[in-house]
Structures are given as C-alpha cells and as structure tokens.
Amino acid sequence: MVGLIVLFGFSVAVSLLWLGGVGFYVFAKIGFAQLFGLPVPEIAMIAATAFAPLAALWLVTGLLYNGLTLKKQGNTINLLLAQTRRSADHAEAMVRTLMEAQVQTRSATVLRNADLFINELNDLLSDILVRFGLLQPAHTELVWQRVGDGNRWAFCKVLLLNADNSPHFKEDLKNQLMRDEILSNAVRTFCYRFEQMFTMLERHDIEHYLTKIFEEGALGRVYLRFVEACREIDRPEPQAYAPIEPEQPQEDPVPDEQPAPKEEETYFPDPEPLPDPDTESDEVPPFGFLRPTR
C-alpha cells in the first residue's frame, strides 16, 4: 500500500513540474497570444512535445501499479492456499481421529459384551450336557452357581473331565449325535456361535488377548471335540467296488475239420484302492463348514 502511494505521488509531482515547465517555456519564448496564431503542424508538434513524456510516465506508472497489484493478489492467494491446506490437514486429522475413536469404541463395546457370548455358549453347553447324559437336570443349578461365582468354564470342565476319563467318549458322542437330531443341532449351533464370537473378537481384539484365551482355553477345546465329531458324521461313506467277472468269449460255430481257435486271454485291471476314510489332514481349518440351526 505504501509503495502505491509513493508511486502515484511521484507521478503527480513529476507531471505538475513538467506542465509548469512547458507553460513557462511557452510564455517566455512564444507567448500565449502568438501560440494560437501558429500553423497547425507547429501547434501539434508543441502539444506532442508537452504531453508525450507525461503519457509515457503514466504508462510506466500504470504498469508498475498492475505489477504491484498482481504481486499483492498473488500473496493473498498463496495465503489462502496455505490456509486451505492447513484446514484440509486439520479436517483429515479430525476425520482420522474420529474413525480411530469409533473403532476403539466399537472394539471396547464388543470386548465388554464378551460375557454375553460366554453366557450364550454356557447355556447351549448346559443343554448339550443334559441331553448327552453327562449332567443331571437337577445339578445344572449348582454348575450355574459356580459360573456366577467366577468359574466361567464350569460347564466346559464337566465335558472335558468326562472326555479325559472315558476312552470311548469320542465314539459315544458320535453315535449319540447320529441318533439324536436335537443334540446334533445343539452341538452345531454351539460351534457356529463359537465361530461367530471368535471371528468378532479376532477383528476387534487388537492385542489378541481374549482370542488366545478362547482359542487355547477350555471353550476352544470343547469346540474342537464337537468339530471332530461333526466331521466324522458328515464324512461320506466309502463305496465298495463290486468284483468284476470276466466275460466268457463267444465261440463261433466252425466246421468239424477245422481246429478250434485258441482263446485269447482277457486282462482285467485291478480296481484302484479307495482312500482310507480315517486319514484326514490336520491342516484343515475348523471354521467355515458349519451353519446355524436355530
């Protein structure tokens, strides 16, 4: 702003001095009375000499004014761009902070509601134990009381103790699941609920603390026993090959005087052996094969 004031002040002062000098020259040398009596070309030459430098001066002044104005506008635009960039960075940081806060809030909510998942699984497991005959209906209240006292895996330990002490537990569970459809549906629902809970915790448990507890603890071992039993039930039965009987070659009637042609030996390949149904890869993941039943 100061530069523009100085520029215009200088231009006005120079213009006034120049016009004053031109007027003094005309008054001293020519005279204003004789000025208008001169020929037109001379008057035009005097006017061009008087006003041409002023036009050049104000042209330069206008160019300098435009340059200063553009420079000022450029600085203003740069300041606006910098402010816009800072505002965009601040908005991005705010959005990132809000997203992180939302994720943390959701994770905290899921982790706080882990007790609901455990109670749901304990409820299913209590029905399974009663249906399977490992627990009497009158004793379920006692086990629930132990769960309320802090032993969350009381139902799991009942099943695991019976499994460890009974050598035929796996076969008994398999046979019972094949006979009792209600028990089979309850076991499959338990496995499906466990998979849902484990997947949700794995997604929201950043430190993977609870997922390790559920995967390697009593609840995870019960889930693996149920999964093995369900797999054996769902495994297709092997089909036995029927023995291949060689076809009897048909003999064409031949005259009596010709000898009977020699029979050709027919080769029948041995049937390929079936894969052993008991062998199963240990690397097959347990998740992803069960569906909800209720």
Protein backbone atom coordinates (compact mmCIF):
# COMPACT_ATOMS: atom_id res chain seq x y z
CA MET A 1 0.00 0.00 0.00
CA VAL A 2 2.83 2.42 0.82
CA GLY A 3 4.51 1.66 -2.49
CA LEU A 4 1.37 2.58 -4.42
CA ILE A 5 1.06 5.90 -2.57
CA VAL A 6 4.69 6.78 -3.26
CA LEU A 7 4.33 5.80 -6.93
CA PHE A 8 1.23 7.95 -7.51
CA GLY A 9 2.68 10.87 -5.52
CA PHE A 10 5.87 10.79 -7.57
CA SER A 11 3.95 10.60 -10.86
CA VAL A 12 1.68 13.52 -9.95
CA ALA A 13 4.62 15.66 -8.82
CA VAL A 14 6.60 14.98 -11.99
CA SER A 15 3.54 15.70 -14.14
CA LEU A 16 2.90 19.06 -12.43
CA LEU A 17 6.55 20.09 -12.73
CA TRP A 18 6.63 19.12 -16.37
CA LEU A 19 3.43 21.02 -17.18
CA GLY A 20 4.69 24.04 -15.28
CA GLY A 21 7.94 23.96 -17.24
CA VAL A 22 6.09 23.66 -20.54
CA GLY A 23 3.81 26.60 -19.63
CA PHE A 24 6.76 28.76 -18.62
CA TYR A 25 8.56 27.96 -21.87
CA VAL A 26 5.52 28.85 -23.97
CA PHE A 27 5.00 32.08 -22.00
CA ALA A 28 8.67 33.13 -22.20
CA LYS A 29 9.54 32.14 -25.75
CA ILE A 30 6.35 32.19 -27.77
CA GLY A 31 3.66 33.86 -25.77
CA PHE A 32 0.12 32.68 -25.39
CA ALA A 33 -1.19 35.30 -27.86
CA GLN A 34 1.08 34.15 -30.66
CA LEU A 35 0.61 30.43 -29.76
CA PHE A 36 -2.79 30.14 -31.36
CA GLY A 37 -1.60 32.03 -34.42
CA LEU A 38 0.96 29.41 -35.32
CA PRO A 39 0.30 26.86 -38.04
CA VAL A 40 -1.42 23.68 -37.09
CA PRO A 41 1.63 21.42 -37.59
CA GLU A 42 3.68 23.56 -35.21
CA ILE A 43 0.88 23.57 -32.61
CA ALA A 44 0.67 19.74 -32.93
CA MET A 45 4.43 19.43 -32.51
CA ILE A 46 4.38 21.63 -29.37
CA ALA A 47 1.45 19.61 -27.94
CA ALA A 48 3.22 16.30 -28.65
CA THR A 49 6.40 17.61 -27.03
CA ALA A 50 4.42 18.74 -23.98
CA PHE A 51 2.20 15.66 -23.41
CA ALA A 52 4.18 12.70 -24.84
CA PRO A 53 6.54 12.44 -21.81
CA LEU A 54 3.53 12.60 -19.48
CA ALA A 55 1.83 9.76 -21.38
CA ALA A 56 4.98 7.67 -21.15
CA LEU A 57 5.29 8.47 -17.44
CA TRP A 58 1.72 7.43 -16.66
CA LEU A 59 2.06 4.33 -18.83
CA VAL A 60 5.03 3.24 -16.78
CA THR A 61 3.12 4.17 -13.62
CA GLY A 62 0.17 2.00 -14.72
CA LEU A 63 2.46 -0.95 -15.46
CA LEU A 64 4.11 -0.61 -12.06
CA TYR A 65 0.68 -0.33 -10.43
CA ASN A 66 -0.51 -3.51 -12.17
CA GLY A 67 2.67 -5.34 -11.15
CA LEU A 68 2.30 -4.33 -7.52
CA THR A 69 -1.40 -5.22 -7.54
CA LEU A 70 -0.74 -8.64 -9.07
CA LYS A 71 2.02 -9.28 -6.57
CA LYS A 72 -0.31 -8.38 -3.72
CA GLN A 73 -3.04 -10.61 -5.12
CA GLY A 74 -0.55 -13.45 -5.56
CA ASN A 75 0.50 -13.14 -1.92
CA THR A 76 -3.15 -13.15 -0.88
CA ILE A 77 -3.85 -16.25 -2.98
CA ASN A 78 -0.81 -18.02 -1.51
CA LEU A 79 -2.03 -17.19 1.98
CA LEU A 80 -5.49 -18.54 1.11
CA LEU A 81 -3.98 -21.71 -0.34
CA ALA A 82 -1.83 -22.21 2.73
CA GLN A 83 -4.83 -21.67 4.98
CA THR A 84 -6.92 -24.07 2.87
CA ARG A 85 -4.16 -26.66 3.05
CA ARG A 86 -3.94 -26.28 6.80
CA SER A 87 -7.72 -26.56 7.05
CA ALA A 88 -7.68 -29.72 4.90
CA ASP A 89 -4.91 -31.24 7.02
CA HIS A 90 -6.82 -30.36 10.17
CA ALA A 91 -10.04 -31.84 8.76
CA GLU A 92 -8.19 -35.02 7.71
CA ALA A 93 -6.68 -35.31 11.17
CA MET A 94 -10.11 -34.81 12.71
CA VAL A 95 -11.64 -37.48 10.46
CA ARG A 96 -8.82 -39.89 11.26
CA THR A 97 -9.24 -39.21 14.95
CA LEU A 98 -13.00 -39.75 14.74
CA MET A 99 -12.52 -43.01 12.83
CA GLU A 100 -9.98 -44.28 15.35
CA ALA A 101 -12.27 -43.26 18.21
CA GLN A 102 -15.18 -45.05 16.52
CA VAL A 103 -13.12 -48.21 16.03
CA GLN A 104 -11.90 -48.09 19.63
CA THR A 105 -15.43 -47.51 20.90
CA ARG A 106 -16.77 -50.42 18.86
CA SER A 107 -13.92 -52.66 19.99
CA ALA A 108 -14.48 -51.68 23.61
CA THR A 109 -18.20 -52.40 23.25
CA VAL A 110 -17.53 -55.83 21.77
CA LEU A 111 -14.99 -56.67 24.44
CA ARG A 112 -17.34 -55.52 27.20
CA ASN A 113 -20.08 -57.73 25.76
CA ALA A 114 -17.87 -60.83 25.78
CA ASP A 115 -19.78 -62.00 28.85
CA LEU A 116 -22.95 -62.20 26.75
CA PHE A 117 -21.20 -64.54 24.29
CA ILE A 118 -19.87 -66.71 27.11
CA ASN A 119 -23.29 -66.94 28.78
CA GLU A 120 -24.88 -67.90 25.46
CA LEU A 121 -22.32 -70.65 24.91
CA ASN A 122 -22.72 -71.87 28.52
CA ASP A 123 -26.48 -72.03 28.02
CA LEU A 124 -26.06 -74.15 24.89
CA LEU A 125 -23.44 -76.30 26.58
CA SER A 126 -25.68 -76.96 29.59
CA ASP A 127 -28.43 -78.23 27.27
CA ILE A 128 -25.89 -80.41 25.44
CA LEU A 129 -24.57 -81.93 28.67
CA VAL A 130 -28.07 -82.73 29.92
CA ARG A 131 -29.10 -84.16 26.56
CA PHE A 132 -25.92 -86.22 26.32
CA GLY A 133 -26.36 -87.58 29.84
CA LEU A 134 -23.21 -86.11 31.38
CA LEU A 135 -25.15 -83.84 33.72
CA GLN A 136 -28.41 -84.29 35.55
CA PRO A 137 -31.01 -81.52 35.21
CA ALA A 138 -31.04 -81.08 38.99
CA HIS A 139 -27.27 -80.41 39.01
CA THR A 140 -27.32 -77.64 36.42
CA GLU A 141 -28.24 -75.07 39.07
CA LEU A 142 -25.11 -75.96 41.01
CA VAL A 143 -22.93 -75.55 37.92
CA TRP A 144 -24.61 -72.23 37.12
CA GLN A 145 -23.88 -71.12 40.66
CA ARG A 146 -20.21 -71.91 40.11
CA VAL A 147 -20.34 -69.88 36.90
CA GLY A 148 -21.84 -66.96 38.80
CA ASP A 149 -19.08 -67.24 41.42
CA GLY A 150 -16.44 -66.64 38.73
CA ASN A 151 -15.72 -70.07 37.27
CA ARG A 152 -16.91 -69.27 33.75
CA TRP A 153 -15.70 -72.58 32.31
CA ALA A 154 -17.54 -74.86 34.72
CA PHE A 155 -19.67 -76.49 32.00
CA CYS A 156 -16.64 -76.89 29.76
CA LYS A 157 -14.72 -78.64 32.52
CA VAL A 158 -17.55 -81.09 33.08
CA LEU A 159 -17.37 -82.22 29.47
CA LEU A 160 -13.56 -82.21 29.33
CA LEU A 161 -13.27 -84.30 32.51
CA ASN A 162 -15.65 -86.89 31.12
CA ALA A 163 -13.78 -86.88 27.81
CA ASP A 164 -10.42 -87.41 29.52
CA ASN A 165 -11.70 -90.16 31.83
CA SER A 166 -13.73 -92.06 29.24
CA PRO A 167 -11.74 -93.80 26.46
CA HIS A 168 -14.89 -94.24 24.36
CA PHE A 169 -16.10 -90.66 24.68
CA LYS A 170 -15.48 -89.83 21.02
CA GLU A 171 -17.41 -92.84 19.72
CA ASP A 172 -20.23 -92.32 22.21
CA LEU A 173 -20.57 -88.67 21.19
CA LYS A 174 -20.58 -89.61 17.51
CA ASN A 175 -23.23 -92.29 17.96
CA GLN A 176 -25.38 -90.04 20.12
CA LEU A 177 -25.21 -87.24 17.54
CA MET A 178 -26.28 -89.66 14.82
CA ARG A 179 -29.25 -90.86 16.86
CA ASP A 180 -30.40 -87.61 18.47
CA GLU A 181 -31.18 -84.84 16.00
CA ILE A 182 -31.88 -82.30 18.75
CA LEU A 183 -28.46 -82.90 20.28
CA SER A 184 -26.83 -82.68 16.85
CA ASN A 185 -28.49 -79.33 16.17
CA ALA A 186 -27.45 -78.01 19.58
CA VAL A 187 -23.82 -79.06 19.00
CA ARG A 188 -23.74 -77.45 15.58
CA THR A 189 -25.30 -74.28 16.95
CA PHE A 190 -22.66 -74.19 19.68
CA CYS A 191 -19.90 -74.48 17.08
CA TYR A 192 -21.45 -71.80 14.92
CA ARG A 193 -21.84 -69.39 17.86
CA PHE A 194 -18.24 -70.02 18.88
CA GLU A 195 -17.05 -69.25 15.34
CA GLN A 196 -19.07 -66.02 15.31
CA MET A 197 -17.69 -64.94 18.66
CA PHE A 198 -14.11 -65.87 17.75
CA THR A 199 -14.28 -64.03 14.39
CA MET A 200 -15.71 -60.91 16.04
CA LEU A 201 -13.11 -60.92 18.80
CA GLU A 202 -10.31 -61.53 16.34
CA ARG A 203 -11.40 -58.46 14.39
CA HIS A 204 -11.74 -56.15 17.41
CA ASP A 205 -9.20 -57.55 19.89
CA ILE A 206 -6.13 -55.54 18.92
CA GLU A 207 -3.77 -57.23 21.37
CA HIS A 208 -5.27 -60.71 20.69
CA TYR A 209 -5.50 -61.40 24.39
CA LEU A 210 -9.08 -62.67 24.56
CA THR A 211 -8.75 -64.61 21.31
CA LYS A 212 -5.88 -66.60 22.79
CA ILE A 213 -7.93 -67.35 25.88
CA PHE A 214 -10.89 -68.62 23.85
CA GLU A 215 -8.78 -70.48 21.31
CA GLU A 216 -6.44 -72.29 23.72
CA GLY A 217 -8.70 -72.47 26.78
CA ALA A 218 -11.42 -74.86 27.84
CA LEU A 219 -14.00 -73.38 25.49
CA GLY A 220 -11.77 -73.87 22.48
CA ARG A 221 -11.01 -77.49 23.42
CA VAL A 222 -14.72 -78.25 23.74
CA TYR A 223 -15.29 -76.67 20.34
CA LEU A 224 -12.58 -78.84 18.76
CA ARG A 225 -14.11 -82.03 20.18
CA PHE A 226 -17.51 -81.11 18.79
CA VAL A 227 -16.00 -80.22 15.42
CA GLU A 228 -14.24 -83.58 15.13
CA ALA A 229 -17.47 -85.43 15.90
CA CYS A 230 -19.44 -83.38 13.37
CA ARG A 231 -16.83 -84.01 10.69
CA GLU A 232 -16.93 -87.73 11.15
CA ILE A 233 -20.72 -87.66 10.88
CA ASP A 234 -20.65 -85.54 7.73
CA ARG A 235 -17.91 -87.61 6.09
CA PRO A 236 -19.32 -89.62 3.15
CA GLU A 237 -19.22 -93.40 3.45
CA PRO A 238 -16.80 -95.20 1.11
CA GLN A 239 -18.35 -97.17 -1.77
CA ALA A 240 -17.11 -100.71 -2.20
CA TYR A 241 -16.23 -101.99 -5.65
CA ALA A 242 -18.18 -105.00 -6.95
CA PRO A 243 -16.00 -107.85 -8.17
CA ILE A 244 -15.53 -107.87 -11.92
CA GLU A 245 -16.36 -111.17 -13.52
CA PRO A 246 -14.56 -111.94 -16.78
CA GLU A 247 -16.82 -112.26 -19.74
CA GLN A 248 -16.97 -115.62 -21.45
CA PRO A 249 -15.86 -115.30 -25.05
CA GLN A 250 -18.47 -116.46 -27.52
CA GLU A 251 -17.33 -119.20 -29.84
CA ASP A 252 -18.38 -119.05 -33.46
CA PRO A 253 -19.54 -122.36 -35.00
CA VAL A 254 -16.72 -123.79 -37.08
CA PRO A 255 -16.61 -126.80 -39.35
CA ASP A 256 -15.56 -130.11 -37.83
CA GLU A 257 -12.48 -130.38 -39.97
CA GLN A 258 -11.00 -127.06 -38.69
CA PRO A 259 -9.35 -126.90 -35.26
CA ALA A 260 -10.93 -124.70 -32.63
CA PRO A 261 -9.26 -121.27 -32.41
CA LYS A 262 -7.20 -120.56 -29.35
CA GLU A 263 -8.96 -118.42 -26.76
CA GLU A 264 -7.43 -115.04 -26.13
CA GLU A 265 -6.61 -114.11 -22.55
CA THR A 266 -8.56 -111.13 -21.28
CA TYR A 267 -6.78 -108.78 -18.88
CA PHE A 268 -8.84 -107.07 -16.23
CA PRO A 269 -7.06 -104.31 -14.26
CA ASP A 270 -7.25 -104.46 -10.52
CA PRO A 271 -9.58 -101.87 -9.01
CA GLU A 272 -7.84 -98.86 -7.56
CA PRO A 273 -7.79 -98.87 -3.75
CA LEU A 274 -10.09 -96.42 -2.04
CA PRO A 275 -8.57 -93.72 0.15
CA ASP A 276 -8.61 -94.54 3.81
CA PRO A 277 -11.57 -92.66 5.35
CA ASP A 278 -9.83 -92.49 8.71
CA THR A 279 -6.90 -90.49 7.40
CA GLU A 280 -7.56 -86.77 7.41
CA SER A 281 -5.26 -83.82 7.03
CA ASP A 282 -4.60 -82.00 10.26
CA GLU A 283 -4.18 -78.70 8.43
CA VAL A 284 -7.87 -78.32 7.51
CA PRO A 285 -9.17 -75.26 9.33
CA PRO A 286 -12.14 -75.97 11.62
CA PHE A 287 -14.01 -72.80 10.66
CA GLY A 288 -16.33 -72.35 7.73
CA PHE A 289 -18.19 -75.66 7.42
CA LEU A 290 -20.98 -75.26 9.96
CA ARG A 291 -24.27 -73.42 9.54
CA PRO A 292 -26.67 -72.09 12.16
CA THR A 293 -29.50 -74.39 13.14
CA ARG A 294 -31.53 -72.03 15.29
